[in-house]
Structure formats: structure tokens, C-alpha cells
Amino acid sequence: MHRITLTSGPLRAVATPDGGGLLELSIEQNGCHHHILRPASAAPATPLDRAMIVMAPWCNRIGGGGVRVGDRFYPIAPNVDGFPMPLHGTAFQNLWAVVDQRDAHLEMTLDAPATDNFNYQARISYTLSPADLTVRLTVINTGRDTMPFGIGLHPWFATDDQTSLQFHATKQVMTDDTGLPTQIGNLVDDFRIPRELPDGRIDHSFLGWDGCARLCNADSVVTMRSTAPILHVFSPGPSAEFCCLEPQTTFPNSANFEPNGTSLLANNEEASLAMTISRIQTSG
């Protein structure tokens, strides 16, 4: 696997053209090495074994075997072994091309293989400063048909047994046992005041998000900011030692659940978002 290392001051990021995502984001502080994102395995066995993946041209899962636009149905097959629905798009499963590489900056592009439904080009950039990492993602519909595109970033943040989460949102997307939306309602999981990660699983999208989320760990505060309108939170529980905070433009299966509210892109129209991650040491 091709690994590209970026450094700026104490920050280090390792990206890969294999899926366009990150293998590592870490920082050196007070003589210690700290992982901001849970690192990928030394020899990743699947494209999901990453510190962060790119989600395009849809986010999370799609139900019903595909999407309907107007009176036309576009079938989409499951794309992850062992998972019954299409998951996280196809960008993370394709090889990206490096177009600009410097000490603290990387830009890659993807001409996605043509299909019968989604056809697209994508561009991602990673820029490190001594204080933070900024990721920018743009996806263009290169197909003839108007399609319901969703894009997002899926980082696995490192957590510990003292981690609390805080962010502001106004609505929560409730789901069934398969993770597909059933209704949009008031907050059931309210993180406007910092609280520990739930003992059980959480796998929900939050609407009316203000674009900022914070993880307070035993010795640090990690802040994620994004231009995306939706935050999806996934945590199996505190013992997992990670929490996914996923900025995205649509929630799971939104094209089928709320067709008029999804991001329809005509030919040559684009969707974009940015995300910045920073870490402040609080003790140790």
C-alpha cells in the first residue's frame, strides 16, 4: 500500500491513494506520541481499515436496493462483503491519483469507474499546519442524469474511558434495526451539554448541527469543525476506544426517505465540504 506522510510542526498525517483516505493522524506533545484518529492496521486487510475514509457518491447506507429519481429507479448493489446494503459509497474502494504533493499538503483526484447509475469525479486535499489538519472534498456529477449525491468524511477518533462528547444540533434522525431512517424528531441523544459516550451503540444523524464537535479525553480536547450541514455519530460504546464523527451532506437513505430534501446534482454540478481537526493538550 502506498503511504504518503505529511508533517507540520508536531502534527503528522499519513494518507493513501488506496481509497483516498487517511491511515494516521497524530501529534507529538511533551515528548509523547498521541493518536488523534485511531490508526489503521499495519497491513490493512480491507478498504474500511483506515483512520478516515471518503464517502461518495452516497453516505452510509442505502435501502431498497437502490434510489428512485422521479419515475426512474437506479439499482445499487451491496459493495461491502458481509453487509446487505450499499455502504459508504465507492470512493473509498477506488485508487486515487496524486496531483500535488508537498511536505504539508496533498491533493488527489478520482475519476470513478463508469456505472449505470452514479458517475462522478472527486478531488480531496489534505493541508497540515502546526495547529490542525484541514480536509477539503469536492465531487462532480459527470453523468447525464440528475442524481441524489451525498458526500462525507468518516474519521475514527481515538477515545479513552473518560471521553465525553459535545455538539449542538436541533433534530435527530431515528432509525430501525437495520440503520435506515424512520422519522426525524427531537433529540433523544442530546449532546449540547458535554456527556460521556452512551454505554450502548449510537448510530444516528443529527440535523441543525452548528458545524462543531468536541471530544474531551483524559488529557486532551479534540475539536472537529466542518462546513457540512449534518453530523453522523457512530459509537459501539465507550470500550471500543473510538468514536466516529462524520460530517456529511445527507443522512443514510435520505434519497428514498426524503427525496425532496436530498442533494440532487445535475450533470457537471458539484457538492463540497471541508473539515478541520485540532487537538489541545490539557494535562500530562
Protein backbone atom coordinates (compact mmCIF):
# COMPACT_ATOMS: atom_id res chain seq x y z
CA MET A 1 0.00 0.00 0.00
CA HIS A 2 1.27 3.45 -0.94
CA ARG A 3 1.67 5.71 2.10
CA ILE A 4 2.20 9.48 1.88
CA THR A 5 3.39 11.22 5.05
CA LEU A 6 2.68 14.89 5.71
CA THR A 7 4.20 16.83 8.61
CA SER A 8 3.90 20.32 10.04
CA GLY A 9 5.29 21.15 13.45
CA PRO A 10 4.06 18.45 15.86
CA LEU A 11 1.36 17.12 13.52
CA ARG A 12 1.73 14.10 11.27
CA ALA A 13 -0.78 12.69 8.78
CA VAL A 14 -0.39 9.58 6.65
CA ALA A 15 -2.65 9.39 3.60
CA THR A 16 -3.03 6.77 0.89
CA PRO A 17 -4.21 6.84 -2.73
CA ASP A 18 -5.81 3.46 -1.99
CA GLY A 19 -9.24 4.88 -1.28
CA GLY A 20 -8.05 8.47 -0.84
CA GLY A 21 -8.33 8.40 2.95
CA LEU A 22 -6.05 8.58 5.98
CA LEU A 23 -4.07 5.86 7.70
CA GLU A 24 -2.98 8.05 10.61
CA LEU A 25 -3.35 11.47 12.22
CA SER A 26 -1.13 12.01 15.25
CA ILE A 27 0.70 14.66 17.24
CA GLU A 28 3.92 14.88 19.27
CA GLN A 29 3.37 16.79 22.50
CA ASN A 30 5.52 16.92 25.63
CA GLY A 31 7.72 14.17 24.24
CA CYS A 32 4.80 11.78 23.73
CA HIS A 33 3.15 10.44 20.58
CA HIS A 34 -0.65 10.78 20.60
CA HIS A 35 -3.08 9.38 18.05
CA ILE A 36 -5.86 11.84 17.24
CA LEU A 37 -7.52 9.31 14.96
CA ARG A 38 -7.48 5.59 15.60
CA PRO A 39 -4.74 4.39 13.21
CA ALA A 40 -5.24 1.81 10.50
CA SER A 41 -3.68 -1.61 10.93
CA ALA A 42 -0.07 -2.04 9.86
CA ALA A 43 -1.28 -4.12 6.91
CA PRO A 44 -4.92 -3.13 6.28
CA ALA A 45 -6.98 -6.06 5.04
CA THR A 46 -9.95 -4.04 3.76
CA PRO A 47 -10.58 -0.50 2.45
CA LEU A 48 -12.53 0.18 5.64
CA ASP A 49 -9.40 -0.36 7.77
CA ARG A 50 -8.43 3.29 7.82
CA ALA A 51 -8.18 6.23 10.20
CA MET A 52 -10.59 8.06 7.86
CA ILE A 53 -12.42 7.14 4.67
CA VAL A 54 -14.03 9.29 1.98
CA MET A 55 -17.76 8.81 1.44
CA ALA A 56 -19.08 9.49 -2.09
CA PRO A 57 -21.34 9.42 -4.03
CA TRP A 58 -23.57 8.47 -1.10
CA CYS A 59 -23.17 8.49 2.70
CA ASN A 60 -23.65 5.49 4.96
CA ARG A 61 -26.28 3.04 3.72
CA ILE A 62 -28.94 2.86 1.01
CA GLY A 63 -32.06 0.71 1.42
CA GLY A 64 -34.45 -0.78 -1.08
CA GLY A 65 -31.76 -1.94 -3.48
CA GLY A 66 -31.17 1.50 -4.99
CA VAL A 67 -32.56 5.01 -5.37
CA ARG A 68 -35.51 6.47 -7.23
CA VAL A 69 -35.31 9.82 -9.04
CA GLY A 70 -38.67 10.86 -10.42
CA ASP A 71 -40.18 7.80 -12.07
CA ARG A 72 -36.84 6.06 -12.70
CA PHE A 73 -35.23 3.52 -10.37
CA TYR A 74 -31.44 3.18 -10.24
CA PRO A 75 -30.33 -0.16 -8.73
CA ILE A 76 -27.27 -0.11 -6.47
CA ALA A 77 -25.74 -3.40 -5.39
CA PRO A 78 -24.18 -4.06 -1.97
CA ASN A 79 -20.49 -3.19 -2.15
CA VAL A 80 -19.01 -4.41 1.16
CA ASP A 81 -18.53 -8.11 1.87
CA GLY A 82 -20.93 -9.35 4.51
CA PHE A 83 -23.09 -6.21 4.54
CA PRO A 84 -26.54 -6.47 2.96
CA MET A 85 -26.87 -2.86 1.72
CA PRO A 86 -24.74 -0.43 -0.29
CA LEU A 87 -22.44 1.25 2.24
CA HIS A 88 -20.40 4.49 2.29
CA GLY A 89 -20.24 4.96 -1.50
CA THR A 90 -17.46 3.77 -3.79
CA ALA A 91 -14.77 6.45 -3.44
CA PHE A 92 -13.07 4.59 -0.57
CA GLN A 93 -12.78 1.46 -2.74
CA ASN A 94 -11.00 3.08 -5.70
CA LEU A 95 -7.46 4.17 -6.48
CA TRP A 96 -6.92 7.93 -6.46
CA ALA A 97 -4.27 9.85 -8.41
CA VAL A 98 -1.81 12.18 -6.66
CA VAL A 99 -1.77 15.57 -8.41
CA ASP A 100 0.08 17.71 -5.83
CA GLN A 101 2.36 16.57 -3.01
CA ARG A 102 4.39 18.76 -0.66
CA ASP A 103 5.67 18.47 2.90
CA ALA A 104 2.38 19.56 4.46
CA HIS A 105 -0.08 19.37 1.57
CA LEU A 106 -1.52 16.62 -0.59
CA GLU A 107 -4.12 16.72 -3.34
CA MET A 108 -5.62 13.67 -5.04
CA THR A 109 -8.29 13.14 -7.68
CA LEU A 110 -10.55 10.28 -8.66
CA ASP A 111 -12.25 9.56 -11.97
CA ALA A 112 -14.70 6.98 -10.71
CA PRO A 113 -15.29 3.97 -12.98
CA ALA A 114 -18.44 4.46 -15.06
CA THR A 115 -21.56 2.66 -13.83
CA ASP A 116 -25.22 2.51 -14.77
CA ASN A 117 -26.10 4.96 -12.01
CA PHE A 118 -23.53 7.22 -10.33
CA ASN A 119 -20.76 8.70 -12.48
CA TYR A 120 -18.51 11.24 -10.83
CA GLN A 121 -15.13 12.87 -10.36
CA ALA A 122 -13.76 13.72 -6.93
CA ARG A 123 -10.96 15.85 -5.53
CA ILE A 124 -9.62 15.77 -1.99
CA SER A 125 -6.91 17.85 -0.34
CA TYR A 126 -5.13 17.49 2.98
CA THR A 127 -3.37 20.53 4.44
CA LEU A 128 -1.44 20.43 7.72
CA SER A 129 -0.47 23.41 9.82
CA PRO A 130 1.29 23.16 13.19
CA ALA A 131 -2.16 23.53 14.79
CA ASP A 132 -4.59 21.49 12.68
CA LEU A 133 -5.48 19.38 9.67
CA THR A 134 -7.88 20.69 7.03
CA VAL A 135 -9.56 18.34 4.56
CA ARG A 136 -11.49 19.58 1.53
CA LEU A 137 -13.64 17.32 -0.64
CA THR A 138 -15.42 18.15 -3.90
CA VAL A 139 -17.47 15.74 -6.02
CA ILE A 140 -18.83 16.49 -9.52
CA ASN A 141 -21.64 14.61 -11.24
CA THR A 142 -20.20 13.61 -14.63
CA GLY A 143 -23.21 11.50 -15.60
CA ARG A 144 -26.04 12.54 -17.89
CA ASP A 145 -28.75 12.05 -15.28
CA THR A 146 -29.59 14.15 -12.25
CA MET A 147 -28.72 12.00 -9.23
CA PRO A 148 -29.06 12.22 -5.42
CA PHE A 149 -25.45 12.69 -4.36
CA GLY A 150 -24.27 12.58 -0.78
CA ILE A 151 -20.68 13.16 0.31
CA GLY A 152 -18.93 12.97 3.65
CA LEU A 153 -15.83 12.19 5.66
CA HIS A 154 -15.72 9.24 8.06
CA PRO A 155 -12.94 9.62 10.67
CA TRP A 156 -12.44 7.21 13.57
CA PHE A 157 -11.46 9.43 16.53
CA ALA A 158 -9.39 7.85 19.28
CA THR A 159 -11.16 7.84 22.67
CA ASP A 160 -10.48 6.66 26.21
CA ASP A 161 -12.52 5.67 29.26
CA GLN A 162 -13.03 9.32 30.22
CA THR A 163 -14.13 10.66 26.83
CA SER A 164 -17.11 12.99 26.67
CA LEU A 165 -18.75 14.38 23.52
CA GLN A 166 -20.32 17.79 22.96
CA PHE A 167 -22.03 19.37 19.94
CA HIS A 168 -25.12 21.44 19.17
CA ALA A 169 -27.91 20.09 16.96
CA THR A 170 -31.68 20.54 16.80
CA LYS A 171 -33.03 17.30 15.31
CA GLN A 172 -32.14 13.61 15.27
CA VAL A 173 -32.80 11.01 12.58
CA MET A 174 -34.29 7.93 14.22
CA THR A 175 -33.67 4.55 12.61
CA ASP A 176 -34.91 0.98 12.57
CA ASP A 177 -32.88 -2.12 13.44
CA THR A 178 -31.21 -2.03 10.01
CA GLY A 179 -29.99 1.55 10.43
CA LEU A 180 -32.46 3.05 7.93
CA PRO A 181 -34.35 6.21 8.90
CA THR A 182 -37.89 6.02 10.24
CA GLN A 183 -38.51 9.60 11.36
CA ILE A 184 -36.89 12.95 12.04
CA GLY A 185 -37.67 14.14 15.53
CA ASN A 186 -36.47 15.96 18.61
CA LEU A 187 -33.20 15.00 20.24
CA VAL A 188 -33.19 11.66 22.01
CA ASP A 189 -29.41 11.72 22.37
CA ASP A 190 -28.69 15.28 23.45
CA PHE A 191 -25.02 16.31 23.42
CA ARG A 192 -25.49 20.07 23.74
CA ILE A 193 -24.03 19.71 27.23
CA PRO A 194 -20.89 17.51 27.30
CA ARG A 195 -21.72 13.92 28.22
CA GLU A 196 -19.96 10.59 28.21
CA LEU A 197 -20.47 8.28 25.27
CA PRO A 198 -23.54 6.07 25.79
CA ASP A 199 -22.98 2.58 27.20
CA GLY A 200 -24.79 1.15 24.19
CA ARG A 201 -24.49 1.68 20.48
CA ILE A 202 -25.31 5.01 18.85
CA ASP A 203 -25.55 5.27 15.06
CA HIS A 204 -27.59 8.37 14.20
CA SER A 205 -27.51 11.52 12.09
CA PHE A 206 -28.08 14.91 13.68
CA LEU A 207 -29.61 17.83 11.79
CA GLY A 208 -29.39 21.52 12.57
CA TRP A 209 -25.76 20.92 13.52
CA ASP A 210 -23.72 24.07 14.10
CA GLY A 211 -20.59 22.62 12.49
CA CYS A 212 -18.51 21.99 15.62
CA ALA A 213 -18.00 18.86 17.76
CA ARG A 214 -15.62 18.30 20.68
CA LEU A 215 -14.24 15.17 22.28
CA CYS A 216 -12.84 15.74 25.76
CA ASN A 217 -10.42 12.93 26.63
CA ALA A 218 -8.43 12.33 29.79
CA ASP A 219 -5.53 14.53 28.67
CA SER A 220 -6.78 16.49 25.65
CA VAL A 221 -9.61 18.19 23.79
CA VAL A 222 -10.06 17.30 20.12
CA THR A 223 -12.19 19.68 18.07
CA MET A 224 -13.70 18.93 14.67
CA ARG A 225 -15.25 21.71 12.61
CA SER A 226 -16.96 21.34 9.26
CA THR A 227 -19.00 23.18 6.65
CA ALA A 228 -21.26 20.12 6.31
CA PRO A 229 -24.88 20.51 7.49
CA ILE A 230 -25.20 17.05 9.08
CA LEU A 231 -23.20 15.20 11.74
CA HIS A 232 -23.45 11.43 11.89
CA VAL A 233 -22.28 9.88 15.17
CA PHE A 234 -21.29 6.23 15.45
CA SER A 235 -20.04 4.62 18.65
CA PRO A 236 -20.34 0.95 19.64
CA GLY A 237 -19.76 2.03 23.25
CA PRO A 238 -17.01 3.51 25.45
CA SER A 239 -14.90 0.33 25.45
CA ALA A 240 -14.42 0.47 21.67
CA GLU A 241 -11.72 3.16 22.07
CA PHE A 242 -13.04 5.09 19.07
CA CYS A 243 -15.95 7.31 18.10
CA CYS A 244 -16.86 8.28 14.53
CA LEU A 245 -17.93 11.89 13.99
CA GLU A 246 -18.87 12.08 10.33
CA PRO A 247 -19.62 15.43 8.65
CA GLN A 248 -21.81 14.82 5.62
CA THR A 249 -24.29 16.42 3.24
CA THR A 250 -27.04 13.79 3.55
CA PHE A 251 -28.16 11.22 6.11
CA PRO A 252 -28.46 7.47 5.42
CA ASN A 253 -31.00 6.54 2.74
CA SER A 254 -32.16 10.16 2.52
CA ALA A 255 -32.80 9.84 -1.23
CA ASN A 256 -35.53 7.29 -0.52
CA PHE A 257 -36.74 8.67 2.81
CA GLU A 258 -36.91 12.36 1.93
CA PRO A 259 -36.47 12.73 -1.86
CA ASN A 260 -37.20 16.46 -1.92
CA GLY A 261 -34.63 17.15 0.78
CA THR A 262 -31.67 15.34 -0.71
CA SER A 263 -28.80 16.84 -2.72
CA LEU A 264 -29.75 16.36 -6.36
CA LEU A 265 -26.89 17.16 -8.72
CA ALA A 266 -27.39 17.63 -12.45
CA ASN A 267 -24.61 16.99 -14.95
CA ASN A 268 -21.47 18.98 -14.04
CA GLU A 269 -22.94 20.23 -10.76
CA GLU A 270 -20.86 19.68 -7.63
CA ALA A 271 -21.06 19.19 -3.89
CA SER A 272 -18.28 20.10 -1.49
CA LEU A 273 -17.39 20.25 2.17
CA ALA A 274 -14.44 20.98 4.43
CA MET A 275 -13.35 19.63 7.81
CA THR A 276 -10.70 20.82 10.27
CA ILE A 277 -9.36 18.75 13.18
CA SER A 278 -7.26 20.14 16.05
CA ARG A 279 -6.05 18.87 19.42
CA ILE A 280 -5.16 20.73 22.61
CA GLN A 281 -3.24 19.02 25.40
CA THR A 282 -4.91 19.60 28.77
CA SER A 283 -2.66 17.55 31.07
CA GLY A 284 0.33 15.23 31.11
